[in-house]
Amino acid sequence: MPLTGFFDRSVHTVASQLLGGILTCTDGETTIAVRLTEVEAYGGDDDPGSHAFRGRTERNATMFGPPGHLYCYLSYGMHRLLNIVCQDPGDPAAVLLRAGEVITGHEVARARRAQRRGGQVTDRELARGPGCLGQVFAASAATDGAALTVPEAPAGWSFTPPAEPVEYVAGPRVGVSGPGGDPDAFPWRYSIPGDATVSRFVPGRNVTKAGS
C-alpha cells in the first residue's frame, strides 16, 4: 500500500519529518533498514542548487512525477544518491537522504561498504554521507522511480515515519556552489543535533548571495 498523504506536502515539511523515520529495502532474503538522521531539501525553478532548476530532462524526470518515489542518480560517476520525491506531480521537489544509522542488516551493510572502501567500516560510518547510504542499500539505476510503501509490503522499499517529530537543526546544504549555497537563502539541510552519524559540513565552492 502506498504512503498517501505523507509525501505530497511541502519539501521542507517532509524533510524535517523524515528525520528519525526508518527507510527499509528488502528483496525477501536481505533486509536493510536505516534510521534517517540528515537530509537536504531541493526545490524546482526557485532553487539554483536543484537538478530541476532549469527544467525537466531525461535525468531528472522522476522529480517531476508523483510523490513518494525514489529519485536515484549517479553523482560524479561514482555514487548512487537516494532522494524522495515530494509535493504535487509537476511541482518538482525532492529530499536528498544524506545520512543515517543502520538498524537492520549490519553484516550485509558492512560487506557492501567494505567492497567499495577496501577495509573495515565502523557502524557509525556505514551510512554517514549520501554516497555511503546509497552503497548500504546497493542503489542502482533500477532504483530510480521505485515507489515507497508502508512496511507491510513483502518486498521493495518502504518508509516508516517517526512516532513523534524529532528535534532538528537547519543550515546550509553541503557542497552546493553558487547562489544555491547561500546559507541565508537556502538553510535547507536538516539534521538531528548531536547524532554521531550526521556527516561533516563542507561548504560549496564560489558560494554567492542569492539574487545578486
N, C-alpha and C. Protein backbone atom coordinates (compact mmCIF):
# COMPACT_ATOMS: atom_id res chain seq x y z
N MET A 1 0.85 -1.19 0.00
CA MET A 1 0.00 0.00 0.00
C MET A 1 0.89 1.24 0.00
N PRO A 2 0.62 2.22 -0.87
CA PRO A 2 1.46 3.41 -0.92
C PRO A 2 1.26 4.30 0.29
N LEU A 3 2.26 5.14 0.55
CA LEU A 3 2.17 6.10 1.65
C LEU A 3 1.49 7.36 1.13
N THR A 4 0.18 7.41 1.16
CA THR A 4 -0.54 8.57 0.67
C THR A 4 -0.57 9.64 1.74
N GLY A 5 -0.46 10.89 1.31
CA GLY A 5 -0.59 12.00 2.24
C GLY A 5 0.68 12.46 2.90
N PHE A 6 1.66 11.58 3.06
CA PHE A 6 2.88 11.98 3.76
C PHE A 6 3.80 12.78 2.86
N PHE A 7 3.97 12.35 1.62
CA PHE A 7 4.96 12.97 0.74
C PHE A 7 4.40 14.07 -0.16
N ASP A 8 3.07 14.20 -0.26
CA ASP A 8 2.53 15.23 -1.14
C ASP A 8 2.35 16.56 -0.40
N ARG A 9 3.37 16.92 0.37
CA ARG A 9 3.39 18.17 1.13
C ARG A 9 4.65 18.95 0.79
N SER A 10 4.78 20.13 1.38
CA SER A 10 5.98 20.95 1.17
C SER A 10 7.25 20.15 1.39
N VAL A 11 8.24 20.38 0.54
CA VAL A 11 9.51 19.67 0.65
C VAL A 11 10.15 19.89 2.02
N HIS A 12 9.92 21.04 2.63
CA HIS A 12 10.52 21.32 3.93
C HIS A 12 9.80 20.59 5.06
N THR A 13 8.50 20.50 4.96
CA THR A 13 7.74 19.73 5.94
C THR A 13 8.15 18.26 5.89
N VAL A 14 8.22 17.74 4.67
CA VAL A 14 8.60 16.33 4.50
C VAL A 14 10.02 16.10 5.00
N ALA A 15 10.94 17.00 4.62
CA ALA A 15 12.35 16.82 5.00
C ALA A 15 12.51 16.72 6.51
N SER A 16 11.91 17.65 7.24
CA SER A 16 12.07 17.65 8.69
C SER A 16 11.41 16.44 9.33
N GLN A 17 10.33 15.94 8.73
CA GLN A 17 9.62 14.80 9.31
C GLN A 17 10.14 13.45 8.84
N LEU A 18 11.09 13.46 7.92
CA LEU A 18 11.79 12.22 7.58
C LEU A 18 12.77 11.84 8.69
N LEU A 19 13.29 12.84 9.39
CA LEU A 19 14.29 12.59 10.42
C LEU A 19 13.72 11.70 11.53
N GLY A 20 14.47 10.66 11.85
CA GLY A 20 14.01 9.70 12.85
C GLY A 20 13.17 8.59 12.27
N GLY A 21 12.75 8.74 11.01
CA GLY A 21 11.99 7.69 10.34
C GLY A 21 12.90 6.59 9.82
N ILE A 22 12.30 5.47 9.43
CA ILE A 22 13.06 4.29 9.01
C ILE A 22 12.83 4.00 7.53
N LEU A 23 13.91 4.03 6.74
CA LEU A 23 13.87 3.62 5.34
C LEU A 23 14.33 2.17 5.27
N THR A 24 13.53 1.33 4.61
CA THR A 24 13.81 -0.10 4.55
C THR A 24 13.76 -0.59 3.11
N CYS A 25 14.67 -1.49 2.77
CA CYS A 25 14.64 -2.16 1.48
C CYS A 25 14.82 -3.66 1.72
N THR A 26 13.92 -4.45 1.15
CA THR A 26 14.02 -5.90 1.29
C THR A 26 13.73 -6.57 -0.03
N ASP A 27 14.45 -7.66 -0.30
CA ASP A 27 14.20 -8.44 -1.51
C ASP A 27 13.63 -9.81 -1.17
N GLY A 28 13.20 -9.96 0.06
CA GLY A 28 12.67 -11.24 0.50
C GLY A 28 13.70 -12.08 1.22
N GLU A 29 14.99 -11.81 0.97
CA GLU A 29 16.07 -12.53 1.63
C GLU A 29 16.92 -11.60 2.49
N THR A 30 17.26 -10.46 1.93
CA THR A 30 18.09 -9.47 2.63
C THR A 30 17.27 -8.23 2.94
N THR A 31 17.39 -7.75 4.16
CA THR A 31 16.70 -6.53 4.56
C THR A 31 17.69 -5.55 5.15
N ILE A 32 17.66 -4.32 4.64
CA ILE A 32 18.46 -3.23 5.19
C ILE A 32 17.49 -2.16 5.67
N ALA A 33 17.70 -1.67 6.88
CA ALA A 33 16.88 -0.59 7.42
C ALA A 33 17.79 0.47 8.02
N VAL A 34 17.50 1.73 7.73
CA VAL A 34 18.31 2.85 8.20
C VAL A 34 17.40 3.91 8.83
N ARG A 35 17.77 4.34 10.03
CA ARG A 35 17.09 5.46 10.68
C ARG A 35 17.72 6.75 10.17
N LEU A 36 16.94 7.59 9.52
CA LEU A 36 17.47 8.79 8.87
C LEU A 36 17.81 9.87 9.89
N THR A 37 19.00 10.45 9.75
CA THR A 37 19.47 11.47 10.68
C THR A 37 19.85 12.79 10.01
N GLU A 38 19.96 12.79 8.68
CA GLU A 38 20.38 14.00 7.97
C GLU A 38 19.81 13.98 6.56
N VAL A 39 19.18 15.08 6.15
CA VAL A 39 18.59 15.18 4.81
C VAL A 39 18.77 16.61 4.30
N GLU A 40 18.52 16.80 3.01
CA GLU A 40 18.54 18.13 2.41
C GLU A 40 17.35 18.28 1.47
N ALA A 41 16.73 19.46 1.49
CA ALA A 41 15.59 19.75 0.63
C ALA A 41 16.06 20.43 -0.66
N TYR A 42 15.44 20.05 -1.78
CA TYR A 42 15.72 20.65 -3.08
C TYR A 42 14.40 20.94 -3.79
N GLY A 43 14.29 22.15 -4.33
CA GLY A 43 13.06 22.57 -4.99
C GLY A 43 13.15 22.53 -6.50
N GLY A 44 12.42 23.44 -7.16
CA GLY A 44 12.36 23.47 -8.62
C GLY A 44 13.05 24.70 -9.19
N ASP A 45 12.30 25.49 -9.98
CA ASP A 45 12.92 26.63 -10.65
C ASP A 45 13.21 27.79 -9.70
N ASP A 46 12.86 27.64 -8.43
CA ASP A 46 13.19 28.64 -7.43
C ASP A 46 14.44 28.28 -6.64
N ASP A 47 15.08 27.18 -7.02
CA ASP A 47 16.23 26.66 -6.27
C ASP A 47 17.41 26.42 -7.21
N PRO A 48 18.38 27.34 -7.25
CA PRO A 48 19.52 27.18 -8.16
C PRO A 48 20.42 26.00 -7.81
N GLY A 49 20.23 25.39 -6.66
CA GLY A 49 21.02 24.21 -6.29
C GLY A 49 20.38 22.91 -6.70
N SER A 50 19.19 22.99 -7.30
CA SER A 50 18.42 21.79 -7.62
C SER A 50 18.64 21.31 -9.05
N HIS A 51 18.55 20.00 -9.25
CA HIS A 51 18.61 19.44 -10.60
C HIS A 51 17.46 19.95 -11.47
N ALA A 52 16.35 20.34 -10.83
CA ALA A 52 15.16 20.76 -11.58
C ALA A 52 15.15 22.25 -11.88
N PHE A 53 16.21 22.97 -11.52
CA PHE A 53 16.23 24.42 -11.67
C PHE A 53 16.02 24.87 -13.11
N ARG A 54 16.59 24.16 -14.06
CA ARG A 54 16.49 24.54 -15.47
C ARG A 54 15.45 23.71 -16.23
N GLY A 55 14.58 23.05 -15.51
CA GLY A 55 13.51 22.32 -16.16
C GLY A 55 13.73 20.82 -16.22
N ARG A 56 12.78 20.16 -16.84
CA ARG A 56 12.77 18.70 -16.89
C ARG A 56 13.74 18.17 -17.94
N THR A 57 14.47 17.13 -17.59
CA THR A 57 15.36 16.43 -18.51
C THR A 57 15.15 14.93 -18.32
N GLU A 58 15.81 14.15 -19.16
CA GLU A 58 15.70 12.70 -19.01
C GLU A 58 16.25 12.26 -17.65
N ARG A 59 17.31 12.92 -17.21
CA ARG A 59 17.94 12.53 -15.95
C ARG A 59 17.06 12.82 -14.74
N ASN A 60 16.40 13.99 -14.72
CA ASN A 60 15.67 14.39 -13.51
C ASN A 60 14.16 14.16 -13.61
N ALA A 61 13.71 13.41 -14.61
CA ALA A 61 12.27 13.25 -14.85
C ALA A 61 11.51 12.76 -13.63
N THR A 62 12.12 11.92 -12.83
CA THR A 62 11.43 11.37 -11.66
C THR A 62 11.04 12.47 -10.68
N MET A 63 11.82 13.55 -10.60
CA MET A 63 11.50 14.66 -9.70
C MET A 63 10.17 15.31 -10.05
N PHE A 64 9.75 15.21 -11.31
CA PHE A 64 8.52 15.84 -11.78
C PHE A 64 7.32 14.91 -11.67
N GLY A 65 7.55 13.70 -11.20
CA GLY A 65 6.49 12.71 -11.12
C GLY A 65 5.78 12.71 -9.79
N PRO A 66 5.06 11.63 -9.50
CA PRO A 66 4.27 11.56 -8.26
C PRO A 66 5.16 11.48 -7.03
N PRO A 67 4.68 12.02 -5.90
CA PRO A 67 5.45 11.96 -4.66
C PRO A 67 5.52 10.54 -4.13
N GLY A 68 6.48 10.34 -3.22
CA GLY A 68 6.61 9.02 -2.61
C GLY A 68 7.37 8.03 -3.45
N HIS A 69 8.16 8.53 -4.41
CA HIS A 69 9.01 7.68 -5.23
C HIS A 69 10.47 8.09 -5.04
N LEU A 70 11.37 7.16 -5.28
CA LEU A 70 12.79 7.44 -5.14
C LEU A 70 13.36 8.03 -6.42
N TYR A 71 14.06 9.14 -6.26
CA TYR A 71 14.84 9.72 -7.35
C TYR A 71 16.29 9.35 -7.07
N CYS A 72 16.86 8.49 -7.90
CA CYS A 72 18.21 7.98 -7.69
C CYS A 72 19.07 8.35 -8.89
N TYR A 73 20.19 9.02 -8.64
CA TYR A 73 21.06 9.44 -9.74
C TYR A 73 22.52 9.16 -9.39
N LEU A 74 23.34 9.12 -10.43
CA LEU A 74 24.77 8.88 -10.28
C LEU A 74 25.48 10.21 -10.09
N SER A 75 26.25 10.32 -9.02
CA SER A 75 26.96 11.55 -8.70
C SER A 75 28.45 11.39 -8.97
N TYR A 76 29.00 12.30 -9.78
CA TYR A 76 30.42 12.30 -10.12
C TYR A 76 30.88 10.95 -10.68
N GLY A 77 29.98 10.22 -11.30
CA GLY A 77 30.32 8.95 -11.92
C GLY A 77 30.69 7.86 -10.93
N MET A 78 30.40 8.07 -9.63
CA MET A 78 30.84 7.11 -8.61
C MET A 78 29.73 6.61 -7.71
N HIS A 79 28.88 7.51 -7.21
CA HIS A 79 27.94 7.14 -6.15
C HIS A 79 26.49 7.32 -6.61
N ARG A 80 25.65 6.37 -6.24
CA ARG A 80 24.21 6.50 -6.46
C ARG A 80 23.60 7.15 -5.22
N LEU A 81 22.96 8.30 -5.41
CA LEU A 81 22.38 9.03 -4.30
C LEU A 81 20.86 8.87 -4.30
N LEU A 82 20.30 8.71 -3.11
CA LEU A 82 18.87 8.48 -2.94
C LEU A 82 18.15 9.75 -2.50
N ASN A 83 17.07 10.05 -3.18
CA ASN A 83 16.20 11.17 -2.84
C ASN A 83 14.76 10.67 -2.82
N ILE A 84 13.91 11.35 -2.08
CA ILE A 84 12.48 11.02 -2.08
C ILE A 84 11.71 12.20 -2.66
N VAL A 85 10.93 11.93 -3.70
CA VAL A 85 10.14 12.96 -4.37
C VAL A 85 8.96 13.35 -3.49
N CYS A 86 8.66 14.65 -3.44
CA CYS A 86 7.51 15.11 -2.67
C CYS A 86 6.80 16.23 -3.43
N GLN A 87 5.78 16.80 -2.79
CA GLN A 87 4.91 17.82 -3.37
C GLN A 87 4.07 17.20 -4.49
N ASP A 88 3.36 18.03 -5.26
CA ASP A 88 2.45 17.52 -6.29
C ASP A 88 3.20 17.19 -7.58
N PRO A 89 2.69 16.24 -8.38
CA PRO A 89 3.31 15.96 -9.68
C PRO A 89 3.40 17.23 -10.52
N GLY A 90 4.54 17.44 -11.16
CA GLY A 90 4.75 18.63 -11.96
C GLY A 90 5.31 19.80 -11.17
N ASP A 91 5.33 19.69 -9.85
CA ASP A 91 5.92 20.71 -8.98
C ASP A 91 7.16 20.08 -8.36
N PRO A 92 8.28 20.07 -9.09
CA PRO A 92 9.43 19.24 -8.70
C PRO A 92 10.04 19.63 -7.36
N ALA A 93 10.26 18.61 -6.56
CA ALA A 93 10.94 18.77 -5.27
C ALA A 93 11.34 17.40 -4.79
N ALA A 94 12.47 17.33 -4.11
CA ALA A 94 12.92 16.04 -3.58
C ALA A 94 13.80 16.28 -2.37
N VAL A 95 13.86 15.29 -1.51
CA VAL A 95 14.69 15.34 -0.31
C VAL A 95 15.84 14.36 -0.48
N LEU A 96 17.07 14.89 -0.47
CA LEU A 96 18.26 14.05 -0.54
C LEU A 96 18.50 13.41 0.83
N LEU A 97 18.68 12.09 0.83
CA LEU A 97 18.95 11.37 2.07
C LEU A 97 20.46 11.34 2.28
N ARG A 98 20.93 12.11 3.25
CA ARG A 98 22.36 12.31 3.41
C ARG A 98 23.01 11.33 4.38
N ALA A 99 22.31 10.93 5.42
CA ALA A 99 22.97 10.06 6.41
C ALA A 99 21.94 9.39 7.30
N GLY A 100 22.40 8.32 7.96
CA GLY A 100 21.52 7.63 8.89
C GLY A 100 22.27 6.55 9.66
N GLU A 101 21.53 5.89 10.53
CA GLU A 101 22.06 4.81 11.35
C GLU A 101 21.48 3.48 10.87
N VAL A 102 22.33 2.55 10.49
CA VAL A 102 21.85 1.22 10.10
C VAL A 102 21.31 0.52 11.35
N ILE A 103 20.06 0.07 11.29
CA ILE A 103 19.47 -0.62 12.44
C ILE A 103 19.12 -2.07 12.13
N THR A 104 19.11 -2.44 10.85
CA THR A 104 18.88 -3.82 10.44
C THR A 104 19.79 -4.13 9.26
N GLY A 105 20.41 -5.31 9.28
CA GLY A 105 21.25 -5.74 8.16
C GLY A 105 22.68 -5.28 8.25
N HIS A 106 23.22 -5.21 9.47
CA HIS A 106 24.58 -4.70 9.66
C HIS A 106 25.63 -5.48 8.87
N GLU A 107 25.56 -6.78 8.88
CA GLU A 107 26.58 -7.59 8.20
C GLU A 107 26.59 -7.32 6.70
N VAL A 108 25.42 -7.29 6.10
CA VAL A 108 25.34 -7.01 4.67
C VAL A 108 25.81 -5.59 4.39
N ALA A 109 25.41 -4.65 5.22
CA ALA A 109 25.82 -3.26 5.05
C ALA A 109 27.34 -3.12 5.14
N ARG A 110 27.95 -3.80 6.11
CA ARG A 110 29.41 -3.75 6.25
C ARG A 110 30.09 -4.32 5.01
N ALA A 111 29.58 -5.43 4.52
CA ALA A 111 30.18 -6.06 3.34
C ALA A 111 30.08 -5.15 2.12
N ARG A 112 28.96 -4.51 1.94
CA ARG A 112 28.78 -3.61 0.79
C ARG A 112 29.70 -2.40 0.88
N ARG A 113 29.84 -1.85 2.07
CA ARG A 113 30.71 -0.69 2.24
C ARG A 113 32.17 -1.08 2.11
N ALA A 114 32.56 -2.22 2.68
CA ALA A 114 33.95 -2.66 2.61
C ALA A 114 34.35 -2.97 1.18
N GLN A 115 33.41 -3.45 0.38
CA GLN A 115 33.70 -3.76 -1.01
C GLN A 115 34.11 -2.52 -1.79
N ARG A 116 33.50 -1.39 -1.45
CA ARG A 116 33.84 -0.14 -2.12
C ARG A 116 35.01 0.56 -1.45
N ARG A 117 35.08 0.46 -0.13
CA ARG A 117 36.11 1.19 0.62
C ARG A 117 37.40 0.40 0.73
N GLY A 118 37.31 -0.92 0.70
CA GLY A 118 38.50 -1.75 0.79
C GLY A 118 39.01 -1.96 2.19
N GLY A 119 38.16 -1.85 3.18
CA GLY A 119 38.58 -2.05 4.56
C GLY A 119 37.39 -2.09 5.48
N GLN A 120 37.65 -2.29 6.77
CA GLN A 120 36.57 -2.37 7.74
C GLN A 120 35.95 -1.00 7.97
N VAL A 121 34.64 -0.98 8.15
CA VAL A 121 33.91 0.27 8.36
C VAL A 121 33.18 0.19 9.70
N THR A 122 33.29 1.23 10.50
CA THR A 122 32.60 1.25 11.78
C THR A 122 31.10 1.43 11.56
N ASP A 123 30.31 1.03 12.55
CA ASP A 123 28.86 1.19 12.44
C ASP A 123 28.48 2.65 12.23
N ARG A 124 29.18 3.56 12.89
CA ARG A 124 28.89 4.98 12.74
C ARG A 124 29.05 5.45 11.30
N GLU A 125 30.03 4.89 10.59
CA GLU A 125 30.35 5.34 9.25
C GLU A 125 29.58 4.61 8.15
N LEU A 126 28.81 3.59 8.50
CA LEU A 126 28.17 2.76 7.47
C LEU A 126 27.33 3.59 6.50
N ALA A 127 26.48 4.46 7.02
CA ALA A 127 25.60 5.26 6.16
C ALA A 127 25.78 6.74 6.42
N ARG A 128 27.00 7.13 6.73
CA ARG A 128 27.32 8.54 7.05
C ARG A 128 27.79 9.23 5.77
N GLY A 129 26.88 9.94 5.14
CA GLY A 129 27.13 10.57 3.85
C GLY A 129 26.24 9.93 2.79
N PRO A 130 25.78 10.71 1.81
CA PRO A 130 24.82 10.20 0.83
C PRO A 130 25.35 9.07 -0.05
N GLY A 131 26.65 9.12 -0.39
CA GLY A 131 27.22 8.03 -1.17
C GLY A 131 27.28 6.74 -0.38
N CYS A 132 27.63 6.86 0.89
CA CYS A 132 27.69 5.68 1.77
C CYS A 132 26.30 5.09 1.96
N LEU A 133 25.31 5.95 2.15
CA LEU A 133 23.94 5.47 2.33
C LEU A 133 23.47 4.72 1.09
N GLY A 134 23.79 5.26 -0.08
CA GLY A 134 23.43 4.57 -1.32
C GLY A 134 24.10 3.22 -1.45
N GLN A 135 25.36 3.12 -1.02
CA GLN A 135 26.09 1.84 -1.08
C GLN A 135 25.47 0.81 -0.15
N VAL A 136 25.08 1.23 1.04
CA VAL A 136 24.47 0.32 2.01
C VAL A 136 23.21 -0.32 1.43
N PHE A 137 22.44 0.46 0.69
CA PHE A 137 21.21 -0.04 0.08
C PHE A 137 21.44 -0.67 -1.30
N ALA A 138 22.70 -0.70 -1.77
CA ALA A 138 23.01 -1.22 -3.10
C ALA A 138 22.16 -0.53 -4.16
N ALA A 139 22.04 0.79 -4.05
CA ALA A 139 21.26 1.56 -5.02
C ALA A 139 21.86 1.42 -6.41
N SER A 140 21.00 1.38 -7.42
CA SER A 140 21.44 1.22 -8.80
C SER A 140 20.54 2.06 -9.71
N ALA A 141 20.82 2.03 -11.00
CA ALA A 141 19.99 2.76 -11.95
C ALA A 141 18.54 2.29 -11.88
N ALA A 142 18.34 1.02 -11.56
CA ALA A 142 16.99 0.46 -11.47
C ALA A 142 16.22 1.00 -10.27
N THR A 143 16.93 1.60 -9.32
CA THR A 143 16.27 2.14 -8.13
C THR A 143 15.46 3.39 -8.46
N ASP A 144 15.88 4.13 -9.47
CA ASP A 144 15.20 5.38 -9.83
C ASP A 144 13.74 5.10 -10.17
N GLY A 145 12.84 5.82 -9.50
CA GLY A 145 11.42 5.67 -9.75
C GLY A 145 10.72 4.65 -8.87
N ALA A 146 11.47 3.94 -8.03
CA ALA A 146 10.85 2.94 -7.15
C ALA A 146 9.89 3.61 -6.17
N ALA A 147 8.77 2.96 -5.93
CA ALA A 147 7.75 3.52 -5.04
C ALA A 147 8.01 3.10 -3.60
N LEU A 148 7.77 4.03 -2.69
CA LEU A 148 7.84 3.73 -1.26
C LEU A 148 6.46 3.30 -0.78
N THR A 149 6.41 2.25 0.02
CA THR A 149 5.15 1.74 0.54
C THR A 149 5.20 1.68 2.06
N VAL A 150 4.11 1.22 2.66
CA VAL A 150 4.11 1.00 4.10
C VAL A 150 4.88 -0.28 4.38
N PRO A 151 5.37 -0.48 5.60
CA PRO A 151 6.27 -1.59 5.91
C PRO A 151 5.71 -2.99 5.69
N GLU A 152 4.37 -3.13 5.57
CA GLU A 152 3.81 -4.47 5.42
C GLU A 152 4.15 -5.12 4.08
N ALA A 153 4.65 -4.34 3.13
CA ALA A 153 4.98 -4.90 1.82
C ALA A 153 6.05 -5.98 1.96
N PRO A 154 5.88 -7.15 1.29
CA PRO A 154 6.83 -8.25 1.45
C PRO A 154 8.18 -8.00 0.79
N ALA A 155 8.23 -7.09 -0.18
CA ALA A 155 9.49 -6.80 -0.86
C ALA A 155 9.44 -5.38 -1.39
N GLY A 156 10.63 -4.82 -1.64
CA GLY A 156 10.73 -3.46 -2.16
C GLY A 156 11.14 -2.46 -1.10
N TRP A 157 10.81 -1.20 -1.37
CA TRP A 157 11.20 -0.09 -0.50
C TRP A 157 10.01 0.35 0.35
N SER A 158 10.27 0.69 1.60
CA SER A 158 9.22 1.19 2.47
C SER A 158 9.78 2.25 3.41
N PHE A 159 8.88 3.05 3.95
CA PHE A 159 9.29 4.09 4.91
C PHE A 159 8.31 4.10 6.07
N THR A 160 8.86 4.17 7.27
CA THR A 160 8.06 4.27 8.49
C THR A 160 8.35 5.61 9.14
N PRO A 161 7.39 6.54 9.16
CA PRO A 161 7.62 7.83 9.80
C PRO A 161 7.88 7.66 11.30
N PRO A 162 8.57 8.61 11.91
CA PRO A 162 8.80 8.52 13.36
C PRO A 162 7.48 8.64 14.11
N ALA A 163 7.41 8.02 15.27
CA ALA A 163 6.18 8.09 16.07
C ALA A 163 5.87 9.52 16.47
N GLU A 164 6.91 10.30 16.75
CA GLU A 164 6.78 11.71 17.09
C GLU A 164 7.85 12.49 16.34
N PRO A 165 7.57 13.73 15.91
CA PRO A 165 8.61 14.54 15.27
C PRO A 165 9.82 14.69 16.18
N VAL A 166 11.00 14.64 15.60
CA VAL A 166 12.22 14.76 16.39
C VAL A 166 12.76 16.19 16.33
N GLU A 167 13.55 16.54 17.31
CA GLU A 167 14.22 17.85 17.31
C GLU A 167 15.24 17.87 16.19
N TYR A 168 15.35 19.01 15.50
CA TYR A 168 16.32 19.10 14.41
C TYR A 168 16.91 20.50 14.33
N VAL A 169 18.01 20.60 13.61
CA VAL A 169 18.62 21.89 13.30
C VAL A 169 18.66 22.04 11.79
N ALA A 170 18.65 23.29 11.33
CA ALA A 170 18.70 23.57 9.89
C ALA A 170 19.92 24.43 9.59
N GLY A 171 20.48 24.25 8.39
CA GLY A 171 21.65 25.01 8.00
C GLY A 171 21.87 24.90 6.51
N PRO A 172 22.96 25.48 6.00
CA PRO A 172 23.24 25.43 4.56
C PRO A 172 23.52 24.01 4.09
N ARG A 173 23.24 23.76 2.81
CA ARG A 173 23.45 22.44 2.24
C ARG A 173 24.93 22.18 1.96
N VAL A 174 25.29 20.92 2.00
CA VAL A 174 26.69 20.51 1.86
C VAL A 174 27.12 20.57 0.39
N GLY A 175 28.24 21.26 0.15
CA GLY A 175 28.87 21.22 -1.16
C GLY A 175 28.12 21.89 -2.29
N VAL A 176 27.11 22.71 -1.99
CA VAL A 176 26.34 23.38 -3.04
C VAL A 176 27.01 24.71 -3.37
N SER A 177 27.36 24.88 -4.63
CA SER A 177 28.08 26.08 -5.07
C SER A 177 27.12 27.16 -5.56
N GLY A 178 27.67 28.36 -5.80
CA GLY A 178 26.87 29.44 -6.34
C GLY A 178 25.78 29.90 -5.39
N PRO A 179 24.73 30.53 -5.93
CA PRO A 179 23.67 31.06 -5.07
C PRO A 179 22.90 29.99 -4.30
N GLY A 180 22.89 28.75 -4.81
CA GLY A 180 22.21 27.66 -4.09
C GLY A 180 22.87 27.31 -2.78
N GLY A 181 24.11 27.77 -2.60
CA GLY A 181 24.82 27.53 -1.35
C GLY A 181 24.70 28.67 -0.35
N ASP A 182 23.93 29.71 -0.70
CA ASP A 182 23.75 30.85 0.19
C ASP A 182 23.09 30.38 1.49
N PRO A 183 23.79 30.49 2.62
CA PRO A 183 23.24 29.97 3.88
C PRO A 183 22.02 30.73 4.37
N ASP A 184 21.87 31.98 3.95
CA ASP A 184 20.72 32.77 4.38
C ASP A 184 19.47 32.45 3.56
N ALA A 185 19.65 32.26 2.27
CA ALA A 185 18.51 31.99 1.39
C ALA A 185 18.12 30.52 1.38
N PHE A 186 19.09 29.63 1.59
CA PHE A 186 18.81 28.19 1.47
C PHE A 186 19.38 27.40 2.66
N PRO A 187 18.85 27.65 3.85
CA PRO A 187 19.25 26.83 5.01
C PRO A 187 18.45 25.53 5.01
N TRP A 188 18.66 24.71 3.99
CA TRP A 188 17.76 23.59 3.68
C TRP A 188 18.36 22.23 4.02
N ARG A 189 19.36 22.22 4.86
CA ARG A 189 19.90 20.95 5.37
C ARG A 189 19.34 20.72 6.77
N TYR A 190 18.73 19.57 6.97
CA TYR A 190 18.08 19.26 8.25
C TYR A 190 18.77 18.05 8.87
N SER A 191 19.10 18.14 10.15
CA SER A 191 19.79 17.03 10.80
C SER A 191 19.42 16.96 12.28
N ILE A 192 19.65 15.79 12.86
CA ILE A 192 19.39 15.58 14.28
C ILE A 192 20.63 16.03 15.05
N PRO A 193 20.51 17.04 15.90
CA PRO A 193 21.70 17.57 16.59
C PRO A 193 22.34 16.54 17.49
N GLY A 194 23.68 16.48 17.41
CA GLY A 194 24.44 15.59 18.28
C GLY A 194 24.49 14.15 17.84
N ASP A 195 23.82 13.80 16.76
CA ASP A 195 23.85 12.40 16.31
C ASP A 195 25.18 12.12 15.61
N ALA A 196 25.84 11.05 16.01
CA ALA A 196 27.18 10.73 15.51
C ALA A 196 27.20 10.36 14.04
N THR A 197 26.05 9.99 13.47
CA THR A 197 26.04 9.57 12.06
C THR A 197 25.88 10.74 11.09
N VAL A 198 25.60 11.93 11.59
CA VAL A 198 25.46 13.10 10.71
C VAL A 198 26.81 13.41 10.08
N SER A 199 26.81 13.69 8.78
CA SER A 199 28.06 13.90 8.07
C SER A 199 28.65 15.28 8.35
N ARG A 200 29.91 15.42 8.03
CA ARG A 200 30.63 16.69 8.25
C ARG A 200 30.19 17.72 7.21
N PHE A 201 30.02 18.96 7.65
CA PHE A 201 29.64 20.02 6.71
C PHE A 201 30.84 20.49 5.92
N VAL A 202 30.67 20.56 4.61
CA VAL A 202 31.69 21.10 3.71
C VAL A 202 30.99 22.13 2.82
N PRO A 203 31.40 23.39 2.85
CA PRO A 203 30.73 24.40 2.02
C PRO A 203 31.04 24.19 0.54
N GLY A 204 30.15 24.68 -0.31
CA GLY A 204 30.39 24.62 -1.74
C GLY A 204 31.41 25.65 -2.17
N ARG A 205 31.90 25.50 -3.38
CA ARG A 205 32.87 26.45 -3.91
C ARG A 205 32.15 27.66 -4.50
N ASN A 206 32.80 28.81 -4.39
CA ASN A 206 32.29 30.03 -5.01
C ASN A 206 30.84 30.31 -4.66
N VAL A 207 30.50 30.18 -3.38
CA VAL A 207 29.15 30.47 -2.93
C VAL A 207 28.88 31.97 -3.09
N THR A 208 27.74 32.31 -3.66
CA THR A 208 27.35 33.71 -3.85
C THR A 208 26.00 33.95 -3.19
N LYS A 209 25.66 35.22 -3.01
CA LYS A 209 24.38 35.56 -2.43
C LYS A 209 23.28 35.35 -3.46
N ALA A 210 22.19 34.74 -3.05
CA ALA A 210 21.07 34.53 -3.96
C ALA A 210 20.49 35.87 -4.38
N GLY A 211 20.20 36.01 -5.67
CA GLY A 211 19.61 37.23 -6.18
C GLY A 211 20.60 38.32 -6.50
N SER A 212 21.89 38.08 -6.28
CA SER A 212 22.89 39.12 -6.55
C SER A 212 23.34 39.06 -8.00
